[in-house]
N, C-alpha and C. Protein backbone atom coordinates (compact mmCIF):
# COMPACT_ATOMS: atom_id res chain seq x y z
N MET A 1 -56.46 22.28 3.27
CA MET A 1 -55.07 21.46 3.00
C MET A 1 -54.13 21.54 4.55
N ILE A 2 -54.35 22.60 4.95
CA ILE A 2 -53.15 22.53 6.39
C ILE A 2 -54.38 21.76 6.91
N LEU A 3 -55.49 22.08 7.45
CA LEU A 3 -56.32 21.10 8.03
C LEU A 3 -55.91 20.02 7.97
N ASN A 4 -55.94 19.17 6.82
CA ASN A 4 -55.69 18.09 6.57
C ASN A 4 -54.38 17.69 6.50
N ALA A 5 -53.06 18.24 6.16
CA ALA A 5 -51.88 17.79 6.37
C ALA A 5 -51.97 17.42 8.02
N LEU A 6 -52.63 18.43 8.70
CA LEU A 6 -52.41 17.97 10.24
C LEU A 6 -53.03 17.09 10.77
N LYS A 7 -54.37 16.74 10.11
CA LYS A 7 -54.85 15.49 10.51
C LYS A 7 -54.34 13.97 9.88
N SER A 8 -53.11 14.26 9.02
CA SER A 8 -52.55 13.31 8.64
C SER A 8 -51.54 12.64 9.92
N GLU A 9 -51.45 13.69 10.16
CA GLU A 9 -50.05 13.43 10.99
C GLU A 9 -49.83 14.77 12.20
N SER A 10 -50.43 14.22 13.29
CA SER A 10 -51.16 15.38 14.11
C SER A 10 -50.16 16.63 14.55
N ARG A 11 -48.71 16.16 14.94
CA ARG A 11 -48.41 17.05 15.14
C ARG A 11 -47.00 17.53 14.50
N ARG A 12 -46.83 18.44 13.96
CA ARG A 12 -46.01 19.02 12.87
C ARG A 12 -45.13 20.50 12.77
N THR A 13 -43.67 20.15 12.57
CA THR A 13 -43.05 21.57 12.60
C THR A 13 -44.04 22.74 11.80
N GLN A 14 -43.65 23.64 11.81
CA GLN A 14 -44.02 24.70 10.54
C GLN A 14 -43.15 24.21 9.58
N LEU A 15 -42.25 23.77 9.43
CA LEU A 15 -41.35 23.53 8.51
C LEU A 15 -41.80 22.72 7.57
N GLU A 16 -42.41 21.23 8.17
CA GLU A 16 -42.72 20.17 7.59
C GLU A 16 -44.13 19.98 7.19
N LEU A 17 -44.88 21.15 8.02
CA LEU A 17 -46.28 21.51 7.24
C LEU A 17 -46.21 22.54 6.06
N ALA A 18 -45.07 23.40 5.93
CA ALA A 18 -44.88 23.82 4.58
C ALA A 18 -44.83 22.97 3.38
N ARG A 19 -43.79 22.29 4.01
CA ARG A 19 -43.09 21.19 2.87
C ARG A 19 -44.44 20.34 2.28
N ALA A 20 -45.41 20.00 3.20
CA ALA A 20 -46.62 19.20 3.26
C ALA A 20 -47.62 19.80 2.12
N VAL A 21 -48.01 20.89 2.32
CA VAL A 21 -48.57 21.32 1.80
C VAL A 21 -48.54 22.39 0.32
N GLY A 22 -46.98 22.60 0.38
CA GLY A 22 -46.81 23.32 -0.67
C GLY A 22 -46.54 24.61 -0.88
N ILE A 23 -46.35 25.09 -0.07
CA ILE A 23 -46.18 26.54 -0.04
C ILE A 23 -44.79 26.89 0.92
N GLU A 24 -44.92 28.43 0.82
CA GLU A 24 -43.31 29.27 1.52
C GLU A 24 -43.57 29.50 2.83
N GLY A 25 -42.63 29.20 3.86
CA GLY A 25 -43.21 29.57 4.84
C GLY A 25 -43.87 30.48 5.58
N PRO A 26 -43.32 31.82 4.90
CA PRO A 26 -43.87 33.15 5.69
C PRO A 26 -45.77 33.23 4.86
N THR A 27 -45.90 32.75 4.03
CA THR A 27 -47.10 32.50 3.45
C THR A 27 -47.99 31.61 4.37
N LEU A 28 -47.18 30.43 4.83
CA LEU A 28 -48.12 29.66 5.98
C LEU A 28 -48.41 30.20 7.24
N THR A 29 -47.01 31.07 7.96
CA THR A 29 -47.07 32.02 8.95
C THR A 29 -48.69 32.60 8.98
N ARG A 30 -48.58 33.33 7.78
CA ARG A 30 -49.92 33.92 7.61
C ARG A 30 -51.32 33.17 8.25
N HIS A 31 -51.26 31.92 7.26
CA HIS A 31 -52.36 31.40 7.20
C HIS A 31 -52.52 30.57 8.70
N LEU A 32 -51.32 30.07 9.35
CA LEU A 32 -51.18 29.67 10.71
C LEU A 32 -52.08 30.66 11.95
N ASP A 33 -51.46 32.24 12.06
CA ASP A 33 -51.53 33.22 12.71
C ASP A 33 -53.02 33.30 12.42
N GLY A 34 -53.99 33.15 11.20
CA GLY A 34 -55.56 33.55 11.33
C GLY A 34 -56.11 32.16 11.60
N MET A 35 -55.55 30.84 11.45
CA MET A 35 -56.38 29.62 11.99
C MET A 35 -55.92 29.44 13.66
N GLU A 36 -54.99 30.20 14.19
CA GLU A 36 -54.68 30.14 15.41
C GLU A 36 -55.74 30.89 16.50
N GLN A 37 -55.80 32.33 15.72
CA GLN A 37 -56.67 33.04 15.89
C GLN A 37 -58.11 32.69 16.31
N ALA A 38 -58.47 31.74 15.02
CA ALA A 38 -59.78 31.21 15.02
C ALA A 38 -60.32 29.99 15.99
N GLY A 39 -58.96 29.45 16.72
CA GLY A 39 -58.99 28.17 17.95
C GLY A 39 -58.63 27.09 16.84
N LEU A 40 -58.57 27.32 15.62
CA LEU A 40 -58.14 25.76 14.77
C LEU A 40 -56.89 25.23 15.23
N VAL A 41 -56.13 25.46 15.29
CA VAL A 41 -54.60 25.31 15.63
C VAL A 41 -54.39 25.84 16.53
N ARG A 42 -53.25 24.79 17.04
CA ARG A 42 -52.11 25.33 18.37
C ARG A 42 -50.69 25.29 18.27
N ARG A 43 -49.79 26.43 18.19
CA ARG A 43 -48.31 26.42 17.88
C ARG A 43 -47.75 26.60 19.56
N GLN A 44 -46.46 25.66 19.60
CA GLN A 44 -45.83 25.95 20.60
C GLN A 44 -44.47 25.43 20.22
N ARG A 45 -43.28 26.27 20.98
CA ARG A 45 -41.69 25.52 20.60
C ARG A 45 -41.82 24.02 20.92
N SER A 46 -40.55 23.32 19.98
CA SER A 46 -40.32 21.82 20.28
C SER A 46 -39.82 22.33 20.95
N THR A 47 -39.68 21.12 22.30
CA THR A 47 -38.93 21.06 23.41
C THR A 47 -37.66 20.81 23.26
N PRO A 48 -36.87 19.97 22.24
CA PRO A 48 -35.47 19.60 21.64
C PRO A 48 -35.20 20.36 20.76
N ASP A 49 -35.67 21.55 20.24
CA ASP A 49 -35.02 22.18 19.15
C ASP A 49 -36.37 23.48 19.30
N ARG A 50 -35.82 24.17 20.06
CA ARG A 50 -36.77 25.73 20.37
C ARG A 50 -37.08 26.46 19.51
N ARG A 51 -35.54 25.92 17.95
CA ARG A 51 -36.36 26.77 16.85
C ARG A 51 -37.35 26.93 16.15
N ALA A 52 -37.58 24.98 16.44
CA ALA A 52 -39.01 24.76 15.58
C ALA A 52 -40.42 24.62 16.59
N VAL A 53 -41.00 24.99 15.88
CA VAL A 53 -42.35 25.36 16.03
C VAL A 53 -43.64 24.08 15.72
N GLN A 54 -43.89 23.54 16.50
CA GLN A 54 -45.24 22.29 16.25
C GLN A 54 -46.15 23.02 16.64
N VAL A 55 -47.09 22.29 15.77
CA VAL A 55 -48.34 23.15 14.98
C VAL A 55 -49.10 21.48 15.27
N GLU A 56 -50.36 21.56 15.71
CA GLU A 56 -51.30 20.60 15.88
C GLU A 56 -52.63 21.66 15.98
N LEU A 57 -53.95 20.38 15.58
CA LEU A 57 -55.03 20.91 15.44
C LEU A 57 -55.75 21.07 16.77
N THR A 58 -56.37 21.48 16.91
CA THR A 58 -56.76 21.42 18.55
C THR A 58 -58.58 21.04 17.80
N ARG A 59 -59.67 21.06 18.94
CA ARG A 59 -60.86 19.98 18.75
C ARG A 59 -61.86 20.77 17.93
N LYS A 60 -61.89 22.29 18.06
CA LYS A 60 -62.41 23.03 16.88
C LYS A 60 -61.85 22.48 15.52
N GLY A 61 -60.65 22.70 15.39
CA GLY A 61 -59.93 22.07 14.10
C GLY A 61 -60.58 20.55 13.69
N ASN A 62 -60.23 19.89 14.53
CA ASN A 62 -60.92 18.42 14.15
C ASN A 62 -62.22 18.36 13.81
N THR A 63 -63.13 19.34 14.94
CA THR A 63 -64.19 19.17 14.14
C THR A 63 -64.61 19.80 13.05
N LEU A 64 -64.07 20.58 12.53
CA LEU A 64 -63.97 21.59 11.01
C LEU A 64 -63.51 20.84 9.90
N HIS A 65 -62.38 20.02 10.32
CA HIS A 65 -61.92 19.15 8.97
C HIS A 65 -63.10 17.89 9.02
N GLY A 66 -63.63 17.66 10.00
CA GLY A 66 -64.69 16.66 9.60
C GLY A 66 -65.59 17.15 8.92
N ARG A 67 -66.27 18.42 9.12
CA ARG A 67 -67.43 18.93 8.17
C ARG A 67 -66.63 19.21 6.69
N LEU A 68 -65.72 19.62 6.91
CA LEU A 68 -65.06 20.01 5.65
C LEU A 68 -65.25 18.86 4.49
N LEU A 69 -64.42 17.62 5.48
CA LEU A 69 -64.42 16.13 4.85
C LEU A 69 -65.53 15.48 3.76
N LYS A 70 -66.91 15.91 4.93
CA LYS A 70 -67.96 15.37 4.89
C LYS A 70 -68.51 16.62 3.37
N ALA A 71 -67.98 17.59 2.99
CA ALA A 71 -68.94 18.82 2.40
C ALA A 71 -67.78 18.21 0.84
N VAL A 72 -66.56 17.64 0.96
CA VAL A 72 -65.74 17.52 0.00
C VAL A 72 -66.50 15.82 -0.77
N ILE A 73 -66.44 15.02 -0.10
CA ILE A 73 -67.01 13.86 -0.28
C ILE A 73 -68.01 13.85 -1.19
N SER A 74 -68.74 14.91 -0.45
CA SER A 74 -70.67 15.20 -0.93
C SER A 74 -70.15 15.34 -2.56
N PHE A 75 -69.52 16.44 -2.75
CA PHE A 75 -69.00 17.55 -3.68
C PHE A 75 -68.61 16.11 -5.08
N ASN A 76 -67.67 15.74 -4.15
CA ASN A 76 -66.67 14.50 -5.00
C ASN A 76 -68.09 13.74 -6.09
N GLN A 77 -68.81 13.61 -4.97
CA GLN A 77 -69.63 12.27 -5.43
C GLN A 77 -70.56 12.83 -6.58
N GLN A 78 -70.78 14.12 -6.42
CA GLN A 78 -72.11 15.10 -7.13
C GLN A 78 -71.08 15.54 -8.75
N LEU A 79 -69.62 15.57 -8.61
CA LEU A 79 -68.56 15.61 -9.48
C LEU A 79 -69.45 14.49 -10.47
N ARG A 80 -68.83 13.58 -10.17
CA ARG A 80 -68.53 11.56 -11.00
C ARG A 80 -70.03 11.48 -10.96
N THR A 81 -71.30 12.27 -10.78
CA THR A 81 -72.54 11.25 -11.19
C THR A 81 -72.82 11.22 -12.57
N GLY A 82 -73.00 10.50 -13.31
CA GLY A 82 -73.21 10.00 -14.93
C GLY A 82 -71.70 9.43 -15.29
N LEU A 83 -70.51 9.49 -14.55
CA LEU A 83 -69.09 8.88 -15.16
C LEU A 83 -69.44 7.61 -14.65
N THR A 84 -68.87 6.72 -15.70
CA THR A 84 -68.34 5.11 -15.52
C THR A 84 -67.08 4.97 -15.31
N SER A 85 -67.05 3.82 -15.24
CA SER A 85 -65.30 3.52 -14.29
C SER A 85 -64.21 3.99 -15.54
N GLU A 86 -64.64 3.79 -16.60
CA GLU A 86 -63.85 4.05 -17.69
C GLU A 86 -63.70 5.47 -18.24
N ASP A 87 -64.69 6.98 -18.14
CA ASP A 87 -64.80 7.48 -18.07
C ASP A 87 -63.75 8.51 -17.17
N GLU A 88 -64.29 7.61 -15.93
CA GLU A 88 -62.52 8.36 -14.77
C GLU A 88 -61.73 8.16 -15.46
N GLN A 89 -61.14 6.70 -15.51
CA GLN A 89 -59.84 6.60 -15.90
C GLN A 89 -59.22 7.20 -17.15
N THR A 90 -59.97 7.70 -18.03
CA THR A 90 -60.00 8.56 -19.19
C THR A 90 -59.67 9.94 -18.50
N LEU A 91 -60.48 10.34 -17.50
CA LEU A 91 -60.22 11.72 -17.22
C LEU A 91 -59.11 11.62 -16.23
N ARG A 92 -58.73 10.72 -15.52
CA ARG A 92 -57.13 10.70 -15.00
C ARG A 92 -56.08 10.63 -15.99
N THR A 93 -56.49 10.09 -16.93
CA THR A 93 -54.72 10.01 -18.27
C THR A 93 -54.79 11.24 -18.87
N LEU A 94 -56.09 12.17 -18.70
CA LEU A 94 -55.89 13.06 -19.53
C LEU A 94 -55.62 13.95 -18.58
N LEU A 95 -55.59 13.98 -17.32
CA LEU A 95 -55.24 14.84 -16.03
C LEU A 95 -53.87 15.11 -16.20
N HIS A 96 -53.24 13.58 -15.89
CA HIS A 96 -51.96 13.51 -15.92
C HIS A 96 -51.71 13.96 -16.78
N GLN A 97 -51.23 13.82 -18.15
CA GLN A 97 -51.09 14.05 -19.26
C GLN A 97 -50.78 15.78 -19.22
N LEU A 98 -51.83 16.67 -18.59
CA LEU A 98 -52.02 18.00 -18.28
C LEU A 98 -50.90 18.32 -17.47
N GLU A 99 -50.66 17.69 -16.72
CA GLU A 99 -49.39 17.80 -15.45
C GLU A 99 -48.22 17.60 -15.95
N THR A 100 -48.23 16.53 -16.75
CA THR A 100 -46.78 16.48 -17.56
C THR A 100 -46.52 17.53 -18.57
N ASN A 101 -47.33 18.19 -19.08
CA ASN A 101 -47.17 19.26 -19.91
C ASN A 101 -46.81 20.35 -19.16
N VAL A 102 -47.24 20.50 -18.01
CA VAL A 102 -46.71 22.04 -17.32
C VAL A 102 -45.59 21.46 -16.63
N ASP A 103 -45.31 20.05 -16.41
CA ASP A 103 -43.85 19.92 -15.51
C ASP A 103 -42.93 20.26 -16.61
N GLN A 104 -42.92 19.98 -17.88
CA GLN A 104 -42.21 20.02 -18.81
C GLN A 104 -41.44 21.54 -19.02
N GLN A 105 -42.39 22.61 -18.65
CA GLN A 105 -41.70 23.70 -19.09
C GLN A 105 -41.18 24.86 -18.27
């Protein structure tokens, strides 16, 4: 999710990124520590606001995103094998109802 959020918007602050993926700042920091150590992302202080930390994908992070995207697309096609358009619409409707039920609690 982090790679995908950074791919859709190349440079984000850690706060923007945490909001985009729906996790708390400290949790994101731990993930980014590991991703930075693996060479997937780069962090640097923002010039206008030194408190803000900008995060961006590295070339290695872009490459990994591409590989993961292909795997996701392939898996999605496999999951939908044998489903008609009507089946898919029914599934969307049911999943939406489940989400609504959870949100009401």
